[in-house]
Amino acid sequence: MRPSSTASVGRLASGSDGGPAGEAEARWTTPTTEKGRAAAERDRGEKGNRVQVAVRIRPMTKADGGNADQSVVSDGHFGVKIERPGEKAKDFSYDYVFTQTQEEVWDCIGKPMLADAYDGYNVTLFAYGQTGSGKTYSVMGDSPNPGIIPRFCSAMMGLAQDKLQSDSSLSIKITMTYIEIYNEKVRDLLEKKKPGQAELTELTLHEAKDKKVFVDGASTHTILTLDRVNALLEQGKAQRQTSETNMNETSSRSHSVVIFNLSQTHDPPNPEVRDVESAIYIVDLAGSERQSKTGAEGQRFEEAKKNQLVFVDVG
């Protein structure tokens, strides 16, 4: 769920000795839940070097066609057990198993992503699952229960302010891009439509000379305040494709990708630390669904088919 790879400019060394920069980071990235602390202890020394997979379990709903005789049980912090009558129970192990609050998801997934990003690592989160399983809720949440993206933005901006206050030579620049892939078309969710424009402009993927893939024509917005981030998120959310299915009244019909680019430089240059850049990708995938369950027909059915074909683009 959280692939991390070293950024080309190297890893930031400041704060590793427990100095002011390290204290600032600890304020925003130290786990506060039991599960978060257990995961941090387990992963000690393995920062930013592997793919992690998490699952989140929610109660069954009427839309699931729930079978009361079937149960999924969390086995501690990192495993689940599936029990069916007349069958041998099946055990599965993951990096994380979430059954409780948005806070524990942020504690285990979001905080390490934030720490890795500020340490000069590229980080990516994919939210994948069936329509109505709670992907968008986990990623975006709601007003009383914010998800990973609102919490990440708040902590990212707060940590930036703390770092700037503790190091007068440091400059931090954060930019944001918000795109979706709908019906095999890449579109900028932050595009300002012209009068009479019905749909967002179709964009194209390109590969730069340094092998990095980018969306040609997608807007990039410099972030200076948390209010600005939240306004852009709301703007993008309003333009994203959603519709009703049998399993979800507001089913996401597209893959959405929020991209933050984080740059940290020193002036004058500091021989004790390195200037670093990192990219953060948070991907809310459209629902993986069976037509028989969602009742998708016509355009909805075509959307579902094409959504499964564009995973290579998302990757």
C-alpha atoms as a PDB file:
ATOM      1  CA  MET A   1       0.000   0.000   0.000  1.00  0.00           C
ATOM      2  CA  ARG A   2       2.975   2.291   0.469  1.00  0.00           C
ATOM      3  CA  PRO A   3       5.742   1.693  -2.074  1.00  0.00           C
ATOM      4  CA  SER A   4       8.736   3.922  -1.325  1.00  0.00           C
ATOM      5  CA  SER A   5      11.808   4.469  -3.440  1.00  0.00           C
ATOM      6  CA  THR A   6      14.822   6.674  -2.933  1.00  0.00           C
ATOM      7  CA  ALA A   7      14.582  10.020  -4.706  1.00  0.00           C
ATOM      8  CA  SER A   8      17.352  10.785  -7.174  1.00  0.00           C
ATOM      9  CA  VAL A   9      18.718  13.656  -5.124  1.00  0.00           C
ATOM     10  CA  GLY A  10      19.426  11.542  -2.072  1.00  0.00           C
ATOM     11  CA  ARG A  11      18.117  11.320   1.460  1.00  0.00           C
ATOM     12  CA  LEU A  12      17.904  14.184   3.922  1.00  0.00           C
ATOM     13  CA  ALA A  13      20.244  13.823   6.868  1.00  0.00           C
ATOM     14  CA  SER A  14      19.035  16.680   9.066  1.00  0.00           C
ATOM     15  CA  GLY A  15      17.168  15.747  12.209  1.00  0.00           C
ATOM     16  CA  SER A  16      18.632  12.257  12.474  1.00  0.00           C
ATOM     17  CA  ASP A  17      20.660  13.351  15.501  1.00  0.00           C
ATOM     18  CA  GLY A  18      17.617  14.490  17.452  1.00  0.00           C
ATOM     19  CA  GLY A  19      18.283  18.198  16.815  1.00  0.00           C
ATOM     20  CA  PRO A  20      15.636  20.883  16.201  1.00  0.00           C
ATOM     21  CA  ALA A  21      14.681  19.483  12.790  1.00  0.00           C
ATOM     22  CA  GLY A  22      14.298  16.020  14.276  1.00  0.00           C
ATOM     23  CA  GLU A  23      12.150  17.356  17.106  1.00  0.00           C
ATOM     24  CA  ALA A  24       9.923  19.141  14.614  1.00  0.00           C
ATOM     25  CA  GLU A  25       9.420  15.955  12.614  1.00  0.00           C
ATOM     26  CA  ALA A  26       8.718  13.865  15.717  1.00  0.00           C
ATOM     27  CA  ARG A  27       5.851  16.186  16.641  1.00  0.00           C
ATOM     28  CA  TRP A  28       4.038  15.284  13.424  1.00  0.00           C
ATOM     29  CA  THR A  29       5.161  11.708  12.757  1.00  0.00           C
ATOM     30  CA  THR A  30       5.354   9.921  16.131  1.00  0.00           C
ATOM     31  CA  PRO A  31       2.622   7.223  16.415  1.00  0.00           C
ATOM     32  CA  THR A  32      -0.043   7.838  19.037  1.00  0.00           C
ATOM     33  CA  THR A  33      -2.173   4.684  18.732  1.00  0.00           C
ATOM     34  CA  GLU A  34      -1.339   1.212  20.012  1.00  0.00           C
ATOM     35  CA  LYS A  35      -1.299  -0.203  16.494  1.00  0.00           C
ATOM     36  CA  GLY A  36       0.897   2.629  15.230  1.00  0.00           C
ATOM     37  CA  ARG A  37       3.452   2.100  17.971  1.00  0.00           C
ATOM     38  CA  ALA A  38       3.476  -1.660  17.371  1.00  0.00           C
ATOM     39  CA  ALA A  39       4.064  -1.134  13.649  1.00  0.00           C
ATOM     40  CA  ALA A  40       6.813   1.421  14.271  1.00  0.00           C
ATOM     41  CA  GLU A  41       8.631  -1.016  16.554  1.00  0.00           C
ATOM     42  CA  ARG A  42       8.268  -3.832  14.011  1.00  0.00           C
ATOM     43  CA  ASP A  43       9.526  -1.691  11.124  1.00  0.00           C
ATOM     44  CA  ARG A  44      12.424  -0.076  12.968  1.00  0.00           C
ATOM     45  CA  GLY A  45      15.418   0.137  10.621  1.00  0.00           C
ATOM     46  CA  GLU A  46      13.362  -0.603   7.478  1.00  0.00           C
ATOM     47  CA  LYS A  47      12.453   2.991   6.566  1.00  0.00           C
ATOM     48  CA  GLY A  48      11.473   3.587   2.964  1.00  0.00           C
ATOM     49  CA  ASN A  49      12.628   0.310   1.459  1.00  0.00           C
ATOM     50  CA  ARG A  50       9.647  -1.909   0.745  1.00  0.00           C
ATOM     51  CA  VAL A  51       6.090  -2.204  -0.448  1.00  0.00           C
ATOM     52  CA  GLN A  52       3.534  -2.547   2.330  1.00  0.00           C
ATOM     53  CA  VAL A  53       0.000  -3.931   2.085  1.00  0.00           C
ATOM     54  CA  ALA A  54      -2.827  -3.058   4.458  1.00  0.00           C
ATOM     55  CA  VAL A  55      -6.468  -4.123   4.611  1.00  0.00           C
ATOM     56  CA  ARG A  56      -9.360  -2.376   6.285  1.00  0.00           C
ATOM     57  CA  ILE A  57     -12.382  -4.324   7.505  1.00  0.00           C
ATOM     58  CA  ARG A  58     -15.814  -2.738   7.901  1.00  0.00           C
ATOM     59  CA  PRO A  59     -19.181  -4.217   8.960  1.00  0.00           C
ATOM     60  CA  MET A  60     -21.228  -5.747   6.143  1.00  0.00           C
ATOM     61  CA  THR A  61     -24.137  -3.753   4.746  1.00  0.00           C
ATOM     62  CA  LYS A  62     -27.355  -4.649   2.922  1.00  0.00           C
ATOM     63  CA  ALA A  63     -25.671  -3.775  -0.374  1.00  0.00           C
ATOM     64  CA  ASP A  64     -23.106  -6.522   0.272  1.00  0.00           C
ATOM     65  CA  GLY A  65     -25.784  -9.196   0.417  1.00  0.00           C
ATOM     66  CA  GLY A  66     -24.204 -10.070   3.726  1.00  0.00           C
ATOM     67  CA  ASN A  67     -23.967 -13.644   4.909  1.00  0.00           C
ATOM     68  CA  ALA A  68     -24.195 -13.728   8.686  1.00  0.00           C
ATOM     69  CA  ASP A  69     -22.595 -17.186   8.730  1.00  0.00           C
ATOM     70  CA  GLN A  70     -19.375 -15.851   7.233  1.00  0.00           C
ATOM     71  CA  SER A  71     -17.006 -13.768   9.332  1.00  0.00           C
ATOM     72  CA  VAL A  72     -13.692 -11.998   8.943  1.00  0.00           C
ATOM     73  CA  VAL A  73     -11.835 -11.673  12.215  1.00  0.00           C
ATOM     74  CA  SER A  74      -8.807  -9.494  12.922  1.00  0.00           C
ATOM     75  CA  ASP A  75      -6.000 -11.555  14.416  1.00  0.00           C
ATOM     76  CA  GLY A  76      -4.018  -9.002  16.409  1.00  0.00           C
ATOM     77  CA  HIS A  77      -2.518  -6.074  14.484  1.00  0.00           C
ATOM     78  CA  PHE A  78      -1.276  -7.788  11.334  1.00  0.00           C
ATOM     79  CA  GLY A  79      -3.480 -10.764  10.387  1.00  0.00           C
ATOM     80  CA  VAL A  80      -7.042 -11.784   9.537  1.00  0.00           C
ATOM     81  CA  LYS A  81      -8.966 -15.040   9.694  1.00  0.00           C
ATOM     82  CA  ILE A  82     -11.854 -15.897   7.353  1.00  0.00           C
ATOM     83  CA  GLU A  83     -14.345 -18.382   8.765  1.00  0.00           C
ATOM     84  CA  ARG A  84     -17.084 -20.156   6.785  1.00  0.00           C
ATOM     85  CA  PRO A  85     -19.376 -22.926   8.036  1.00  0.00           C
ATOM     86  CA  GLY A  86     -18.106 -26.382   7.060  1.00  0.00           C
ATOM     87  CA  GLU A  87     -14.746 -25.057   5.841  1.00  0.00           C
ATOM     88  CA  LYS A  88     -11.328 -24.817   7.388  1.00  0.00           C
ATOM     89  CA  ALA A  89     -10.552 -21.295   8.575  1.00  0.00           C
ATOM     90  CA  LYS A  90      -8.075 -19.380   6.389  1.00  0.00           C
ATOM     91  CA  ASP A  91      -5.408 -17.112   7.841  1.00  0.00           C
ATOM     92  CA  PHE A  92      -3.814 -14.183   6.010  1.00  0.00           C
ATOM     93  CA  SER A  93      -1.010 -11.876   7.118  1.00  0.00           C
ATOM     94  CA  TYR A  94      -0.584  -8.239   6.097  1.00  0.00           C
ATOM     95  CA  ASP A  95       1.537  -5.303   7.136  1.00  0.00           C
ATOM     96  CA  TYR A  96      -1.527  -3.761   8.757  1.00  0.00           C
ATOM     97  CA  VAL A  97      -5.117  -4.772   9.463  1.00  0.00           C
ATOM     98  CA  PHE A  98      -7.449  -1.901  10.333  1.00  0.00           C
ATOM     99  CA  THR A  99     -10.782  -2.398  12.077  1.00  0.00           C
ATOM    100  CA  GLN A 100     -11.206   0.829  14.008  1.00  0.00           C
ATOM    101  CA  THR A 101     -10.811   4.559  13.443  1.00  0.00           C
ATOM    102  CA  GLN A 102      -9.427   6.884  10.790  1.00  0.00           C
ATOM    103  CA  GLU A 103      -6.792   7.827  13.369  1.00  0.00           C
ATOM    104  CA  GLU A 104      -5.139   4.396  13.346  1.00  0.00           C
ATOM    105  CA  VAL A 105      -5.046   4.373   9.536  1.00  0.00           C
ATOM    106  CA  TRP A 106      -3.322   7.770   9.572  1.00  0.00           C
ATOM    107  CA  ASP A 107      -1.000   6.671  12.372  1.00  0.00           C
ATOM    108  CA  CYS A 108       0.239   3.575  10.527  1.00  0.00           C
ATOM    109  CA  ILE A 109       0.042   4.684   6.880  1.00  0.00           C
ATOM    110  CA  GLY A 110       0.025   8.472   6.718  1.00  0.00           C
ATOM    111  CA  LYS A 111       2.644   9.392   9.294  1.00  0.00           C
ATOM    112  CA  PRO A 112       5.373   7.106   7.864  1.00  0.00           C
ATOM    113  CA  MET A 113       4.581   8.480   4.377  1.00  0.00           C
ATOM    114  CA  LEU A 114       5.048  12.012   5.667  1.00  0.00           C
ATOM    115  CA  ALA A 115       8.335  11.170   7.385  1.00  0.00           C
ATOM    116  CA  ASP A 116       9.653   9.384   4.287  1.00  0.00           C
ATOM    117  CA  ALA A 117       8.699  12.290   2.021  1.00  0.00           C
ATOM    118  CA  TYR A 118      10.518  14.834   4.170  1.00  0.00           C
ATOM    119  CA  ASP A 119      13.508  12.489   4.324  1.00  0.00           C
ATOM    120  CA  GLY A 120      13.802  12.582   0.527  1.00  0.00           C
ATOM    121  CA  TYR A 121      11.856   9.498  -0.496  1.00  0.00           C
ATOM    122  CA  ASN A 122       9.139   9.230  -3.124  1.00  0.00           C
ATOM    123  CA  VAL A 123       6.000   7.666  -1.625  1.00  0.00           C
ATOM    124  CA  THR A 124       2.821   6.260  -3.151  1.00  0.00           C
ATOM    125  CA  LEU A 125      -0.435   5.030  -1.682  1.00  0.00           C
ATOM    126  CA  PHE A 126      -2.998   3.019  -3.690  1.00  0.00           C
ATOM    127  CA  ALA A 127      -6.507   2.592  -2.262  1.00  0.00           C
ATOM    128  CA  TYR A 128      -8.013  -0.455  -4.004  1.00  0.00           C
ATOM    129  CA  GLY A 129     -11.175  -2.445  -3.399  1.00  0.00           C
ATOM    130  CA  GLN A 130     -14.728  -3.224  -4.377  1.00  0.00           C
ATOM    131  CA  THR A 131     -17.255  -0.473  -5.024  1.00  0.00           C
ATOM    132  CA  GLY A 132     -18.672   0.654  -1.682  1.00  0.00           C
ATOM    133  CA  SER A 133     -15.870  -0.889   0.376  1.00  0.00           C
ATOM    134  CA  GLY A 134     -14.794   2.460   1.810  1.00  0.00           C
ATOM    135  CA  LYS A 135     -11.754   3.455  -0.284  1.00  0.00           C
ATOM    136  CA  THR A 136     -12.719   7.098  -0.729  1.00  0.00           C
ATOM    137  CA  TYR A 137     -13.796   7.302   2.907  1.00  0.00           C
ATOM    138  CA  SER A 138     -10.371   6.062   4.027  1.00  0.00           C
ATOM    139  CA  VAL A 139      -8.592   8.472   1.675  1.00  0.00           C
ATOM    140  CA  MET A 140     -10.801  11.576   2.031  1.00  0.00           C
ATOM    141  CA  GLY A 141     -13.087  10.895   4.996  1.00  0.00           C
ATOM    142  CA  ASP A 142     -15.699  13.428   6.080  1.00  0.00           C
ATOM    143  CA  SER A 143     -15.841  16.502   8.286  1.00  0.00           C
ATOM    144  CA  PRO A 144     -15.821  14.777  11.699  1.00  0.00           C
ATOM    145  CA  ASN A 145     -13.600  11.905  10.512  1.00  0.00           C
ATOM    146  CA  PRO A 146     -10.991  13.195   8.021  1.00  0.00           C
ATOM    147  CA  GLY A 147      -9.127  10.631   5.948  1.00  0.00           C
ATOM    148  CA  ILE A 148      -5.485  10.295   4.975  1.00  0.00           C
ATOM    149  CA  ILE A 149      -5.333  13.171   2.465  1.00  0.00           C
ATOM    150  CA  PRO A 150      -6.741  15.931   4.748  1.00  0.00           C
ATOM    151  CA  ARG A 151      -4.590  14.708   7.639  1.00  0.00           C
ATOM    152  CA  PHE A 152      -1.531  14.438   5.400  1.00  0.00           C
ATOM    153  CA  CYS A 153      -2.004  17.979   4.076  1.00  0.00           C
ATOM    154  CA  SER A 154      -2.445  19.422   7.561  1.00  0.00           C
ATOM    155  CA  ALA A 155       0.642  17.636   8.903  1.00  0.00           C
ATOM    156  CA  MET A 156       2.709  18.397   5.781  1.00  0.00           C
ATOM    157  CA  MET A 157       2.060  22.125   6.114  1.00  0.00           C
ATOM    158  CA  GLY A 158       2.507  22.091   9.881  1.00  0.00           C
ATOM    159  CA  LEU A 159       5.822  20.257   9.656  1.00  0.00           C
ATOM    160  CA  ALA A 160       7.001  22.678   6.950  1.00  0.00           C
ATOM    161  CA  GLN A 161       6.348  25.614   9.272  1.00  0.00           C
ATOM    162  CA  ASP A 162       8.175  23.934  12.158  1.00  0.00           C
ATOM    163  CA  LYS A 163      11.183  23.116   9.964  1.00  0.00           C
ATOM    164  CA  LEU A 164      11.390  26.662   8.609  1.00  0.00           C
ATOM    165  CA  GLN A 165      11.284  28.088  12.110  1.00  0.00           C
ATOM    166  CA  SER A 166      14.075  25.774  13.286  1.00  0.00           C
ATOM    167  CA  ASP A 167      16.399  26.360  10.285  1.00  0.00           C
ATOM    168  CA  SER A 168      16.730  29.882   8.859  1.00  0.00           C
ATOM    169  CA  SER A 169      18.709  28.610   5.843  1.00  0.00           C
ATOM    170  CA  LEU A 170      15.959  26.210   4.743  1.00  0.00           C
ATOM    171  CA  SER A 171      13.463  26.903   1.958  1.00  0.00           C
ATOM    172  CA  ILE A 172      10.528  24.551   1.287  1.00  0.00           C
ATOM    173  CA  LYS A 173       8.402  24.562  -1.861  1.00  0.00           C
ATOM    174  CA  ILE A 174       5.277  22.410  -2.203  1.00  0.00           C
ATOM    175  CA  THR A 175       3.256  22.057  -5.389  1.00  0.00           C
ATOM    176  CA  MET A 176       0.050  20.131  -6.075  1.00  0.00           C
ATOM    177  CA  THR A 177      -1.506  18.458  -9.117  1.00  0.00           C
ATOM    178  CA  TYR A 178      -4.859  16.624  -9.119  1.00  0.00           C
ATOM    179  CA  ILE A 179      -5.849  14.396 -12.048  1.00  0.00           C
ATOM    180  CA  GLU A 180      -8.297  11.610 -12.856  1.00  0.00           C
ATOM    181  CA  ILE A 181      -8.360   8.764 -15.370  1.00  0.00           C
ATOM    182  CA  TYR A 182     -11.910   8.303 -16.660  1.00  0.00           C
ATOM    183  CA  ASN A 183     -12.895   6.075 -19.597  1.00  0.00           C
ATOM    184  CA  GLU A 184      -9.198   5.787 -20.498  1.00  0.00           C
ATOM    185  CA  LYS A 185      -8.900   9.582 -20.611  1.00  0.00           C
ATOM    186  CA  VAL A 186      -6.542  11.546 -18.364  1.00  0.00           C
ATOM    187  CA  ARG A 187      -8.040  14.832 -17.171  1.00  0.00           C
ATOM    188  CA  ASP A 188      -7.010  17.704 -14.903  1.00  0.00           C
ATOM    189  CA  LEU A 189      -9.465  17.958 -12.012  1.00  0.00           C
ATOM    190  CA  LEU A 190      -8.213  21.492 -11.302  1.00  0.00           C
ATOM    191  CA  GLU A 191      -8.905  22.756 -14.807  1.00  0.00           C
ATOM    192  CA  LYS A 192     -10.997  25.908 -14.974  1.00  0.00           C
ATOM    193  CA  LYS A 193     -13.680  25.229 -17.553  1.00  0.00           C
ATOM    194  CA  LYS A 194     -14.381  27.866 -20.161  1.00  0.00           C
ATOM    195  CA  PRO A 195     -17.955  29.101 -20.698  1.00  0.00           C
ATOM    196  CA  GLY A 196     -19.918  26.403 -22.488  1.00  0.00           C
ATOM    197  CA  GLN A 197     -17.264  23.713 -21.901  1.00  0.00           C
ATOM    198  CA  ALA A 198     -19.071  20.486 -20.987  1.00  0.00           C
ATOM    199  CA  GLU A 199     -16.175  18.166 -20.180  1.00  0.00           C
ATOM    200  CA  LEU A 200     -12.638  18.486 -18.905  1.00  0.00           C
ATOM    201  CA  THR A 201      -9.898  18.532 -21.531  1.00  0.00           C
ATOM    202  CA  GLU A 202      -8.316  15.193 -22.384  1.00  0.00           C
ATOM    203  CA  LEU A 203      -4.579  15.152 -21.606  1.00  0.00           C
ATOM    204  CA  THR A 204      -1.779  12.792 -22.590  1.00  0.00           C
ATOM    205  CA  LEU A 205       0.971  10.918 -20.774  1.00  0.00           C
ATOM    206  CA  HIS A 206       4.581  11.527 -21.793  1.00  0.00           C
ATOM    207  CA  GLU A 207       7.958  10.194 -20.734  1.00  0.00           C
ATOM    208  CA  ALA A 208      10.711  12.744 -20.120  1.00  0.00           C
ATOM    209  CA  LYS A 209      14.394  12.235 -20.930  1.00  0.00           C
ATOM    210  CA  ASP A 210      15.047  11.242 -17.326  1.00  0.00           C
ATOM    211  CA  LYS A 211      12.441   8.427 -17.730  1.00  0.00           C
ATOM    212  CA  LYS A 212       9.920  10.155 -15.494  1.00  0.00           C
ATOM    213  CA  VAL A 213       6.317   9.945 -16.702  1.00  0.00           C
ATOM    214  CA  PHE A 214       4.263  13.144 -16.593  1.00  0.00           C
ATOM    215  CA  VAL A 215       0.844  14.376 -17.704  1.00  0.00           C
ATOM    216  CA  ASP A 216       1.295  16.995 -20.390  1.00  0.00           C
ATOM    217  CA  GLY A 217      -0.948  19.988 -19.752  1.00  0.00           C
ATOM    218  CA  ALA A 218      -1.878  19.198 -16.132  1.00  0.00           C
ATOM    219  CA  SER A 219      -1.840  22.318 -13.972  1.00  0.00           C
ATOM    220  CA  THR A 220       0.611  22.672 -11.100  1.00  0.00           C
ATOM    221  CA  HIS A 221      -0.315  24.820  -8.110  1.00  0.00           C
ATOM    222  CA  THR A 222       2.126  26.201  -5.548  1.00  0.00           C
ATOM    223  CA  ILE A 223       0.886  25.598  -2.020  1.00  0.00           C
ATOM    224  CA  LEU A 224       1.482  28.256   0.622  1.00  0.00           C
ATOM    225  CA  THR A 225      -1.344  27.637   3.105  1.00  0.00           C
ATOM    226  CA  LEU A 226      -3.523  24.763   4.279  1.00  0.00           C
ATOM    227  CA  ASP A 227      -6.624  26.705   3.239  1.00  0.00           C
ATOM    228  CA  ARG A 228      -5.315  26.740  -0.335  1.00  0.00           C
ATOM    229  CA  VAL A 229      -4.770  22.974  -0.287  1.00  0.00           C
ATOM    230  CA  ASN A 230      -8.288  22.354   1.012  1.00  0.00           C
ATOM    231  CA  ALA A 231      -9.791  24.655  -1.613  1.00  0.00           C
ATOM    232  CA  LEU A 232      -8.006  22.763  -4.399  1.00  0.00           C
ATOM    233  CA  LEU A 233      -9.112  19.414  -2.992  1.00  0.00           C
ATOM    234  CA  GLU A 234     -12.732  20.590  -2.939  1.00  0.00           C
ATOM    235  CA  GLN A 235     -12.428  21.921  -6.479  1.00  0.00           C
ATOM    236  CA  GLY A 236     -11.081  18.606  -7.721  1.00  0.00           C
ATOM    237  CA  LYS A 237     -13.644  16.578  -5.800  1.00  0.00           C
ATOM    238  CA  ALA A 238     -16.469  18.582  -7.368  1.00  0.00           C
ATOM    239  CA  GLN A 239     -15.255  17.727 -10.877  1.00  0.00           C
ATOM    240  CA  ARG A 240     -14.587  14.036 -10.319  1.00  0.00           C
ATOM    241  CA  GLN A 241     -16.885  11.513 -12.016  1.00  0.00           C
ATOM    242  CA  THR A 242     -19.315   9.787  -9.630  1.00  0.00           C
ATOM    243  CA  SER A 243     -22.659   8.034 -10.068  1.00  0.00           C
ATOM    244  CA  GLU A 244     -25.053   5.719  -8.274  1.00  0.00           C
ATOM    245  CA  THR A 245     -24.817   1.925  -8.434  1.00  0.00           C
ATOM    246  CA  ASN A 246     -26.615  -0.785  -6.496  1.00  0.00           C
ATOM    247  CA  MET A 247     -23.681  -0.901  -4.090  1.00  0.00           C
ATOM    248  CA  ASN A 248     -22.896   2.780  -3.621  1.00  0.00           C
ATOM    249  CA  GLU A 249     -24.943   5.965  -4.061  1.00  0.00           C
ATOM    250  CA  THR A 250     -21.833   8.019  -4.915  1.00  0.00           C
ATOM    251  CA  SER A 251     -19.570   5.463  -6.554  1.00  0.00           C
ATOM    252  CA  SER A 252     -16.287   6.835  -7.916  1.00  0.00           C
ATOM    253  CA  ARG A 253     -16.271   6.188 -11.661  1.00  0.00           C
ATOM    254  CA  SER A 254     -12.664   7.244 -12.193  1.00  0.00           C
ATOM    255  CA  HIS A 255      -9.195   6.782 -10.757  1.00  0.00           C
ATOM    256  CA  SER A 256      -8.024   9.973  -9.040  1.00  0.00           C
ATOM    257  CA  VAL A 257      -4.413  10.899  -8.283  1.00  0.00           C
ATOM    258  CA  VAL A 258      -3.326  13.681  -5.922  1.00  0.00           C
ATOM    259  CA  ILE A 259       0.333  14.574  -6.474  1.00  0.00           C
ATOM    260  CA  PHE A 260       2.482  16.691  -4.179  1.00  0.00           C
ATOM    261  CA  ASN A 261       6.052  17.650  -5.043  1.00  0.00           C
ATOM    262  CA  LEU A 262       8.162  18.639  -2.057  1.00  0.00           C
ATOM    263  CA  SER A 263      11.467  20.491  -2.429  1.00  0.00           C
ATOM    264  CA  GLN A 264      13.833  21.378   0.433  1.00  0.00           C
ATOM    265  CA  THR A 265      16.866  23.561  -0.279  1.00  0.00           C
ATOM    266  CA  HIS A 266      19.390  25.464   1.831  1.00  0.00           C
ATOM    267  CA  ASP A 267      20.805  28.938   1.207  1.00  0.00           C
ATOM    268  CA  PRO A 268      23.652  29.176   1.901  1.00  0.00           C
ATOM    269  CA  PRO A 269      24.386  25.502   1.229  1.00  0.00           C
ATOM    270  CA  ASN A 270      24.848  23.466   4.382  1.00  0.00           C
ATOM    271  CA  PRO A 271      27.552  20.757   4.237  1.00  0.00           C
ATOM    272  CA  GLU A 272      25.827  18.918   7.099  1.00  0.00           C
ATOM    273  CA  VAL A 273      22.638  18.234   5.119  1.00  0.00           C
ATOM    274  CA  ARG A 274      21.575  17.655   1.537  1.00  0.00           C
ATOM    275  CA  ASP A 275      18.977  19.449  -0.523  1.00  0.00           C
ATOM    276  CA  VAL A 276      16.236  16.962  -1.413  1.00  0.00           C
ATOM    277  CA  GLU A 277      13.157  16.584  -3.563  1.00  0.00           C
ATOM    278  CA  SER A 278      10.387  14.021  -3.226  1.00  0.00           C
ATOM    279  CA  ALA A 279       7.029  13.235  -4.792  1.00  0.00           C
ATOM    280  CA  ILE A 280       3.915  12.037  -2.977  1.00  0.00           C
ATOM    281  CA  TYR A 281       1.213  10.176  -4.936  1.00  0.00           C
ATOM    282  CA  ILE A 282      -2.121   9.303  -3.310  1.00  0.00           C
ATOM    283  CA  VAL A 283      -4.299   7.246  -5.661  1.00  0.00           C
ATOM    284  CA  ASP A 284      -7.991   6.564  -5.051  1.00  0.00           C
ATOM    285  CA  LEU A 285      -8.838   3.844  -7.554  1.00  0.00           C
ATOM    286  CA  ALA A 286     -12.312   3.369  -8.999  1.00  0.00           C
ATOM    287  CA  GLY A 287     -14.165   0.406  -7.554  1.00  0.00           C
ATOM    288  CA  SER A 288     -13.235  -3.095  -8.614  1.00  0.00           C
ATOM    289  CA  GLU A 289     -16.681  -4.506  -9.197  1.00  0.00           C
ATOM    290  CA  ARG A 290     -18.815  -7.299 -10.567  1.00  0.00           C
ATOM    291  CA  GLN A 291     -21.532  -6.142 -12.939  1.00  0.00           C
ATOM    292  CA  SER A 292     -23.988  -8.579 -11.381  1.00  0.00           C
ATOM    293  CA  LYS A 293     -23.603  -6.881  -7.985  1.00  0.00           C
ATOM    294  CA  THR A 294     -23.493  -3.252  -9.039  1.00  0.00           C
ATOM    295  CA  GLY A 295     -26.237  -3.495 -11.651  1.00  0.00           C
ATOM    296  CA  ALA A 296     -24.048  -1.482 -13.991  1.00  0.00           C
ATOM    297  CA  GLU A 297     -25.546  -1.067 -17.450  1.00  0.00           C
ATOM    298  CA  GLY A 298     -24.857   1.036 -20.528  1.00  0.00           C
ATOM    299  CA  GLN A 299     -22.385   3.807 -19.773  1.00  0.00           C
ATOM    300  CA  ARG A 300     -21.774   2.576 -16.211  1.00  0.00           C
ATOM    301  CA  PHE A 301     -20.872  -0.877 -17.567  1.00  0.00           C
ATOM    302  CA  GLU A 302     -18.461   0.601 -20.133  1.00  0.00           C
ATOM    303  CA  GLU A 303     -16.854   2.700 -17.387  1.00  0.00           C
ATOM    304  CA  ALA A 304     -16.321  -0.388 -15.250  1.00  0.00           C
ATOM    305  CA  LYS A 305     -14.643  -2.276 -18.099  1.00  0.00           C
ATOM    306  CA  LYS A 306     -12.348   0.593 -19.028  1.00  0.00           C
ATOM    307  CA  ASN A 307     -11.408   1.279 -15.412  1.00  0.00           C
ATOM    308  CA  GLN A 308      -9.821  -2.152 -15.252  1.00  0.00           C
ATOM    309  CA  LEU A 309      -7.858  -1.518 -18.454  1.00  0.00           C
ATOM    310  CA  VAL A 310      -6.104   1.627 -17.283  1.00  0.00           C
ATOM    311  CA  PHE A 311      -4.198   0.271 -14.305  1.00  0.00           C
ATOM    312  CA  VAL A 312      -1.083   0.312 -16.455  1.00  0.00           C
ATOM    313  CA  ASP A 313      -1.547   4.078 -16.853  1.00  0.00           C
ATOM    314  CA  VAL A 314      -1.975   4.544 -13.124  1.00  0.00           C
ATOM    315  CA  GLY A 315       1.192   2.530 -12.499  1.00  0.00           C
END
